[in-house]
Amino acid sequence: MHAQQTANHLCDIVRTAADFSQAWNAFFELAEKTDFIRRSQPVAFPALPGLIDTIGKDMMTRPDAVTRVPLVLRYADTGLHHGFLSAAGHPGAFMYFKEDDVGMVGISLMPGGRTLFTRFSLARLRPGSHLMVDAGTSLH
């Protein structure tokens, strides 16, 4: 499958999944392929690590939790950005589809093996504008 088709397929799963583990399994099936690793290159995406740190604090329910994103990678010439992270010492990973403005973070809680997931979107706002949202448990 062509790189963009692969990224689009994964994005569709992330966007529509009711069970986030399905999207996560699809991501790791892709990440196991040598071609995926070979075609993923480091890129500058300054907003993404800060956003993921904020999401990590909320997911870990610890405002002092630090989420580190050592490297942001982009898959081939697609809008799929991905990488590993550490949230309060727990391993995790993220993926973000820039053109579709949807992403997902997964954090594995060790010991115990439970994994926390969240799906997110970004919204660009004009300076001075405000965004009101219903802060339900699945919103970050």
N, C-alpha and C. Protein backbone atom coordinates (compact mmCIF):
# COMPACT_ATOMS: atom_id res chain seq x y z
N MET A 1 0.85 -1.18 0.00
CA MET A 1 0.00 0.00 0.00
C MET A 1 0.90 1.24 0.00
N HIS A 2 0.56 2.24 -0.78
CA HIS A 2 1.28 3.51 -0.87
C HIS A 2 1.28 4.20 0.49
N ALA A 3 2.32 4.98 0.79
CA ALA A 3 2.46 5.62 2.11
C ALA A 3 1.25 6.47 2.47
N GLN A 4 0.77 7.30 1.53
CA GLN A 4 -0.37 8.17 1.84
C GLN A 4 -1.64 7.35 2.08
N GLN A 5 -1.84 6.29 1.30
CA GLN A 5 -3.00 5.42 1.52
C GLN A 5 -2.92 4.76 2.89
N THR A 6 -1.73 4.33 3.27
CA THR A 6 -1.53 3.71 4.58
C THR A 6 -1.86 4.70 5.69
N ALA A 7 -1.34 5.93 5.57
CA ALA A 7 -1.61 6.96 6.58
C ALA A 7 -3.10 7.30 6.62
N ASN A 8 -3.74 7.41 5.46
CA ASN A 8 -5.17 7.71 5.42
C ASN A 8 -5.99 6.62 6.08
N HIS A 9 -5.63 5.37 5.83
CA HIS A 9 -6.34 4.24 6.43
C HIS A 9 -6.22 4.29 7.96
N LEU A 10 -5.01 4.51 8.45
CA LEU A 10 -4.80 4.59 9.90
C LEU A 10 -5.55 5.79 10.48
N CYS A 11 -5.54 6.90 9.79
CA CYS A 11 -6.26 8.10 10.25
C CYS A 11 -7.76 7.82 10.36
N ASP A 12 -8.31 7.11 9.39
CA ASP A 12 -9.74 6.76 9.45
C ASP A 12 -10.04 5.92 10.68
N ILE A 13 -9.15 4.99 11.00
CA ILE A 13 -9.35 4.16 12.19
C ILE A 13 -9.29 5.03 13.45
N VAL A 14 -8.30 5.92 13.53
CA VAL A 14 -8.16 6.79 14.71
C VAL A 14 -9.39 7.68 14.85
N ARG A 15 -9.86 8.24 13.75
CA ARG A 15 -10.98 9.17 13.79
C ARG A 15 -12.28 8.50 14.22
N THR A 16 -12.48 7.24 13.84
CA THR A 16 -13.78 6.60 14.06
C THR A 16 -13.80 5.55 15.16
N ALA A 17 -12.66 5.16 15.69
CA ALA A 17 -12.61 4.05 16.65
C ALA A 17 -13.39 4.36 17.92
N ALA A 18 -14.26 3.44 18.29
CA ALA A 18 -14.92 3.51 19.59
C ALA A 18 -14.04 2.83 20.64
N ASP A 19 -13.28 1.85 20.20
CA ASP A 19 -12.32 1.15 21.06
C ASP A 19 -10.93 1.60 20.62
N PHE A 20 -10.30 2.45 21.41
CA PHE A 20 -9.02 3.03 21.03
C PHE A 20 -7.92 1.99 20.87
N SER A 21 -8.05 0.84 21.51
CA SER A 21 -7.01 -0.18 21.36
C SER A 21 -6.95 -0.68 19.92
N GLN A 22 -8.06 -0.62 19.18
CA GLN A 22 -8.04 -1.01 17.76
C GLN A 22 -7.13 -0.08 16.97
N ALA A 23 -7.24 1.21 17.21
CA ALA A 23 -6.38 2.18 16.52
C ALA A 23 -4.93 1.98 16.93
N TRP A 24 -4.72 1.72 18.20
CA TRP A 24 -3.36 1.55 18.70
C TRP A 24 -2.71 0.31 18.10
N ASN A 25 -3.47 -0.79 18.02
CA ASN A 25 -2.95 -2.01 17.42
C ASN A 25 -2.62 -1.79 15.94
N ALA A 26 -3.46 -1.05 15.23
CA ALA A 26 -3.20 -0.74 13.82
C ALA A 26 -1.92 0.09 13.67
N PHE A 27 -1.71 1.04 14.58
CA PHE A 27 -0.49 1.85 14.55
C PHE A 27 0.74 0.97 14.77
N PHE A 28 0.69 0.08 15.76
CA PHE A 28 1.86 -0.75 16.04
C PHE A 28 2.09 -1.80 14.96
N GLU A 29 1.05 -2.26 14.29
CA GLU A 29 1.25 -3.16 13.14
C GLU A 29 2.02 -2.43 12.04
N LEU A 30 1.68 -1.17 11.83
CA LEU A 30 2.40 -0.36 10.85
C LEU A 30 3.83 -0.09 11.31
N ALA A 31 3.99 0.24 12.59
CA ALA A 31 5.31 0.59 13.13
C ALA A 31 6.28 -0.59 13.11
N GLU A 32 5.77 -1.80 13.05
CA GLU A 32 6.64 -2.98 13.00
C GLU A 32 7.25 -3.19 11.62
N LYS A 33 6.75 -2.51 10.62
CA LYS A 33 7.24 -2.69 9.25
C LYS A 33 8.52 -1.88 9.05
N THR A 34 9.52 -2.53 8.49
CA THR A 34 10.81 -1.89 8.25
C THR A 34 10.67 -0.64 7.40
N ASP A 35 9.81 -0.69 6.40
CA ASP A 35 9.62 0.44 5.50
C ASP A 35 9.09 1.67 6.25
N PHE A 36 8.21 1.45 7.23
CA PHE A 36 7.67 2.55 8.02
C PHE A 36 8.79 3.26 8.79
N ILE A 37 9.64 2.48 9.43
CA ILE A 37 10.75 3.06 10.20
C ILE A 37 11.72 3.77 9.26
N ARG A 38 12.06 3.12 8.16
CA ARG A 38 13.02 3.69 7.21
C ARG A 38 12.51 5.00 6.62
N ARG A 39 11.21 5.10 6.38
CA ARG A 39 10.64 6.28 5.73
C ARG A 39 10.17 7.35 6.72
N SER A 40 10.40 7.16 8.00
CA SER A 40 10.04 8.16 9.02
C SER A 40 11.28 8.98 9.36
N GLN A 41 11.16 10.29 9.22
CA GLN A 41 12.30 11.18 9.44
C GLN A 41 11.97 12.23 10.50
N PRO A 42 12.98 12.66 11.28
CA PRO A 42 12.75 13.71 12.29
C PRO A 42 12.31 15.02 11.62
N VAL A 43 11.37 15.70 12.25
CA VAL A 43 10.89 16.99 11.76
C VAL A 43 10.70 17.94 12.94
N ALA A 44 10.71 19.22 12.64
CA ALA A 44 10.40 20.23 13.66
C ALA A 44 8.89 20.43 13.66
N PHE A 45 8.29 20.28 14.83
CA PHE A 45 6.85 20.52 15.01
C PHE A 45 6.73 21.07 16.43
N PRO A 46 7.12 22.34 16.63
CA PRO A 46 7.26 22.90 17.98
C PRO A 46 6.02 22.81 18.86
N ALA A 47 4.82 22.87 18.29
CA ALA A 47 3.60 22.86 19.12
C ALA A 47 3.28 21.48 19.67
N LEU A 48 3.70 20.43 18.99
CA LEU A 48 3.28 19.08 19.37
C LEU A 48 3.81 18.62 20.73
N PRO A 49 5.10 18.75 21.05
CA PRO A 49 5.55 18.30 22.37
C PRO A 49 4.85 19.02 23.53
N GLY A 50 4.60 20.31 23.41
CA GLY A 50 3.90 21.05 24.47
C GLY A 50 2.46 20.58 24.63
N LEU A 51 1.80 20.33 23.51
CA LEU A 51 0.43 19.82 23.56
C LEU A 51 0.41 18.44 24.22
N ILE A 52 1.33 17.58 23.83
CA ILE A 52 1.36 16.23 24.40
C ILE A 52 1.72 16.27 25.88
N ASP A 53 2.55 17.22 26.30
CA ASP A 53 2.84 17.38 27.73
C ASP A 53 1.56 17.73 28.49
N THR A 54 0.77 18.65 27.95
CA THR A 54 -0.50 19.03 28.59
C THR A 54 -1.45 17.84 28.66
N ILE A 55 -1.55 17.09 27.57
CA ILE A 55 -2.41 15.90 27.55
C ILE A 55 -1.91 14.88 28.56
N GLY A 56 -0.59 14.68 28.62
CA GLY A 56 -0.01 13.72 29.57
C GLY A 56 -0.31 14.07 31.01
N LYS A 57 -0.23 15.34 31.36
CA LYS A 57 -0.56 15.78 32.73
C LYS A 57 -2.00 15.41 33.08
N ASP A 58 -2.90 15.64 32.12
CA ASP A 58 -4.31 15.34 32.35
C ASP A 58 -4.55 13.83 32.42
N MET A 59 -3.93 13.08 31.52
CA MET A 59 -4.12 11.63 31.52
C MET A 59 -3.59 10.99 32.80
N MET A 60 -2.47 11.50 33.29
CA MET A 60 -1.86 10.95 34.50
C MET A 60 -2.52 11.52 35.76
N THR A 61 -3.44 12.47 35.57
CA THR A 61 -4.13 13.18 36.66
C THR A 61 -3.13 13.74 37.67
N ARG A 62 -2.02 14.25 37.11
CA ARG A 62 -0.98 14.87 37.94
C ARG A 62 -0.49 16.12 37.24
N PRO A 63 -0.83 17.30 37.77
CA PRO A 63 -0.37 18.52 37.12
C PRO A 63 1.14 18.67 37.11
N ASP A 64 1.83 17.94 38.00
CA ASP A 64 3.29 18.02 38.04
C ASP A 64 3.96 16.97 37.16
N ALA A 65 3.18 16.09 36.55
CA ALA A 65 3.75 15.04 35.69
C ALA A 65 4.37 15.68 34.45
N VAL A 66 5.57 15.27 34.13
CA VAL A 66 6.25 15.79 32.94
C VAL A 66 6.17 14.73 31.85
N THR A 67 5.72 15.15 30.68
CA THR A 67 5.69 14.26 29.52
C THR A 67 6.76 14.73 28.56
N ARG A 68 7.70 13.85 28.29
CA ARG A 68 8.80 14.18 27.39
C ARG A 68 8.58 13.52 26.03
N VAL A 69 8.77 14.30 24.99
CA VAL A 69 8.71 13.82 23.61
C VAL A 69 10.09 14.08 23.02
N PRO A 70 10.96 13.06 23.02
CA PRO A 70 12.33 13.32 22.57
C PRO A 70 12.46 13.62 21.08
N LEU A 71 11.53 13.10 20.26
CA LEU A 71 11.68 13.23 18.82
C LEU A 71 10.31 13.12 18.15
N VAL A 72 10.04 14.02 17.23
CA VAL A 72 8.83 13.94 16.40
C VAL A 72 9.27 13.48 15.02
N LEU A 73 8.64 12.41 14.54
CA LEU A 73 8.96 11.86 13.22
C LEU A 73 7.77 12.06 12.29
N ARG A 74 8.06 12.21 10.99
CA ARG A 74 6.99 12.27 9.99
C ARG A 74 7.18 11.10 9.04
N TYR A 75 6.09 10.38 8.79
CA TYR A 75 6.14 9.22 7.91
C TYR A 75 6.10 9.67 6.45
N ALA A 76 7.17 9.38 5.74
CA ALA A 76 7.31 9.68 4.32
C ALA A 76 6.88 11.13 4.05
N ASP A 77 6.12 11.34 3.00
CA ASP A 77 5.64 12.69 2.67
C ASP A 77 4.18 12.84 3.07
N THR A 78 3.79 12.16 4.14
CA THR A 78 2.41 12.22 4.62
C THR A 78 2.30 13.20 5.77
N GLY A 79 1.10 13.41 6.24
CA GLY A 79 0.88 14.27 7.41
C GLY A 79 0.91 13.50 8.71
N LEU A 80 1.32 12.22 8.67
CA LEU A 80 1.37 11.40 9.88
C LEU A 80 2.65 11.69 10.66
N HIS A 81 2.48 12.30 11.83
CA HIS A 81 3.58 12.56 12.75
C HIS A 81 3.45 11.58 13.91
N HIS A 82 4.56 11.07 14.38
CA HIS A 82 4.50 10.06 15.44
C HIS A 82 5.80 10.05 16.23
N GLY A 83 5.78 9.35 17.36
CA GLY A 83 6.97 9.22 18.17
C GLY A 83 6.66 8.59 19.51
N PHE A 84 7.71 8.39 20.26
CA PHE A 84 7.56 7.83 21.60
C PHE A 84 7.57 8.95 22.62
N LEU A 85 7.10 8.64 23.82
CA LEU A 85 7.07 9.63 24.89
C LEU A 85 7.29 8.94 26.23
N SER A 86 7.54 9.74 27.22
CA SER A 86 7.62 9.29 28.60
C SER A 86 6.77 10.24 29.42
N ALA A 87 5.76 9.70 30.13
CA ALA A 87 4.85 10.51 30.95
C ALA A 87 5.00 10.08 32.39
N ALA A 88 5.59 10.95 33.20
CA ALA A 88 5.83 10.64 34.62
C ALA A 88 6.55 9.30 34.75
N GLY A 89 7.47 9.04 33.83
CA GLY A 89 8.26 7.81 33.87
C GLY A 89 7.60 6.61 33.21
N HIS A 90 6.40 6.76 32.68
CA HIS A 90 5.71 5.66 32.01
C HIS A 90 5.89 5.79 30.50
N PRO A 91 6.14 4.67 29.80
CA PRO A 91 6.35 4.74 28.36
C PRO A 91 5.03 4.93 27.61
N GLY A 92 5.13 5.56 26.47
CA GLY A 92 3.96 5.75 25.64
C GLY A 92 4.37 6.15 24.24
N ALA A 93 3.37 6.48 23.44
CA ALA A 93 3.62 6.90 22.07
C ALA A 93 2.47 7.81 21.64
N PHE A 94 2.68 8.48 20.52
CA PHE A 94 1.65 9.37 19.98
C PHE A 94 1.65 9.28 18.47
N MET A 95 0.54 9.65 17.89
CA MET A 95 0.44 9.84 16.44
C MET A 95 -0.48 11.03 16.22
N TYR A 96 -0.19 11.80 15.19
CA TYR A 96 -1.00 12.98 14.87
C TYR A 96 -1.05 13.12 13.36
N PHE A 97 -2.24 13.30 12.82
CA PHE A 97 -2.45 13.46 11.39
C PHE A 97 -2.73 14.93 11.13
N LYS A 98 -1.72 15.64 10.66
CA LYS A 98 -1.78 17.09 10.55
C LYS A 98 -2.91 17.57 9.64
N GLU A 99 -3.06 16.99 8.46
CA GLU A 99 -4.09 17.45 7.52
C GLU A 99 -5.50 17.19 8.05
N ASP A 100 -5.67 16.14 8.83
CA ASP A 100 -6.99 15.78 9.34
C ASP A 100 -7.21 16.29 10.76
N ASP A 101 -6.18 16.84 11.36
CA ASP A 101 -6.25 17.41 12.70
C ASP A 101 -6.85 16.43 13.72
N VAL A 102 -6.30 15.23 13.74
CA VAL A 102 -6.70 14.26 14.75
C VAL A 102 -5.46 13.48 15.18
N GLY A 103 -5.40 13.17 16.46
CA GLY A 103 -4.26 12.42 16.97
C GLY A 103 -4.66 11.55 18.13
N MET A 104 -3.71 10.76 18.60
CA MET A 104 -3.95 9.87 19.71
C MET A 104 -2.68 9.74 20.53
N VAL A 105 -2.86 9.65 21.84
CA VAL A 105 -1.77 9.40 22.78
C VAL A 105 -2.11 8.13 23.54
N GLY A 106 -1.12 7.28 23.74
CA GLY A 106 -1.27 6.09 24.57
C GLY A 106 -0.15 6.05 25.59
N ILE A 107 -0.48 5.78 26.84
CA ILE A 107 0.51 5.70 27.91
C ILE A 107 0.31 4.38 28.64
N SER A 108 1.39 3.58 28.73
CA SER A 108 1.33 2.29 29.43
C SER A 108 1.69 2.49 30.88
N LEU A 109 0.81 2.05 31.76
CA LEU A 109 1.07 2.16 33.19
C LEU A 109 1.78 0.90 33.65
N MET A 110 3.00 1.06 34.11
CA MET A 110 3.80 -0.06 34.59
C MET A 110 4.01 0.10 36.08
N PRO A 111 3.96 -0.95 36.88
CA PRO A 111 3.56 -2.30 36.51
C PRO A 111 2.05 -2.39 36.36
N GLY A 112 1.60 -3.48 35.84
CA GLY A 112 0.17 -3.71 35.72
C GLY A 112 -0.30 -3.84 34.29
N GLY A 113 0.37 -3.14 33.37
CA GLY A 113 0.07 -3.29 31.97
C GLY A 113 -1.15 -2.55 31.44
N ARG A 114 -1.84 -1.77 32.27
CA ARG A 114 -2.98 -1.00 31.79
C ARG A 114 -2.49 0.13 30.89
N THR A 115 -3.22 0.42 29.83
CA THR A 115 -2.84 1.50 28.92
C THR A 115 -3.95 2.54 28.89
N LEU A 116 -3.54 3.80 29.03
CA LEU A 116 -4.47 4.93 28.93
C LEU A 116 -4.41 5.46 27.50
N PHE A 117 -5.56 5.79 26.93
CA PHE A 117 -5.64 6.34 25.58
C PHE A 117 -6.43 7.64 25.61
N THR A 118 -6.09 8.51 24.69
CA THR A 118 -6.94 9.67 24.42
C THR A 118 -6.78 10.06 22.95
N ARG A 119 -7.86 10.55 22.40
CA ARG A 119 -7.85 11.08 21.04
C ARG A 119 -7.95 12.60 21.17
N PHE A 120 -7.27 13.34 20.29
CA PHE A 120 -7.29 14.80 20.40
C PHE A 120 -7.34 15.45 19.03
N SER A 121 -7.74 16.71 19.04
CA SER A 121 -7.73 17.57 17.86
C SER A 121 -7.20 18.93 18.28
N LEU A 122 -6.66 19.66 17.33
CA LEU A 122 -6.19 21.02 17.58
C LEU A 122 -7.14 21.99 16.90
N ALA A 123 -7.27 23.15 17.48
CA ALA A 123 -8.07 24.21 16.86
C ALA A 123 -7.25 25.49 16.88
N ARG A 124 -7.10 26.10 15.73
CA ARG A 124 -6.38 27.37 15.64
C ARG A 124 -7.38 28.49 15.91
N LEU A 125 -7.08 29.33 16.90
CA LEU A 125 -7.98 30.41 17.29
C LEU A 125 -7.34 31.76 17.00
N ARG A 126 -8.18 32.73 16.69
CA ARG A 126 -7.69 34.09 16.54
C ARG A 126 -7.28 34.61 17.90
N PRO A 127 -6.26 35.45 17.99
CA PRO A 127 -5.90 36.05 19.28
C PRO A 127 -7.10 36.77 19.89
N GLY A 128 -7.32 36.56 21.17
CA GLY A 128 -8.42 37.20 21.86
C GLY A 128 -9.73 36.44 21.80
N SER A 129 -9.78 35.36 21.00
CA SER A 129 -11.02 34.58 20.93
C SER A 129 -10.99 33.49 22.00
N HIS A 130 -12.13 32.89 22.23
CA HIS A 130 -12.25 31.87 23.28
C HIS A 130 -12.97 30.66 22.73
N LEU A 131 -12.69 29.52 23.31
CA LEU A 131 -13.33 28.28 22.92
C LEU A 131 -13.97 27.68 24.16
N MET A 132 -15.26 27.44 24.09
CA MET A 132 -15.99 26.83 25.20
C MET A 132 -16.27 25.38 24.83
N VAL A 133 -15.89 24.47 25.71
CA VAL A 133 -16.14 23.05 25.44
C VAL A 133 -16.74 22.39 26.67
N ASP A 134 -17.47 21.32 26.44
CA ASP A 134 -17.98 20.50 27.52
C ASP A 134 -16.83 19.60 27.95
N ALA A 135 -16.33 19.78 29.15
CA ALA A 135 -15.15 19.04 29.62
C ALA A 135 -15.54 17.67 30.13
N GLY A 136 -16.03 16.82 29.24
CA GLY A 136 -16.36 15.44 29.61
C GLY A 136 -15.09 14.64 29.83
N THR A 137 -15.24 13.43 30.31
CA THR A 137 -14.07 12.62 30.65
C THR A 137 -13.26 12.20 29.44
N SER A 138 -13.83 12.25 28.25
CA SER A 138 -13.07 11.83 27.07
C SER A 138 -12.50 13.02 26.31
N LEU A 139 -12.58 14.20 26.86
CA LEU A 139 -12.11 15.40 26.17
C LEU A 139 -10.81 15.89 26.78
N HIS A 140 -9.81 16.12 25.93
CA HIS A 140 -8.53 16.66 26.39
C HIS A 140 -8.12 17.79 25.48
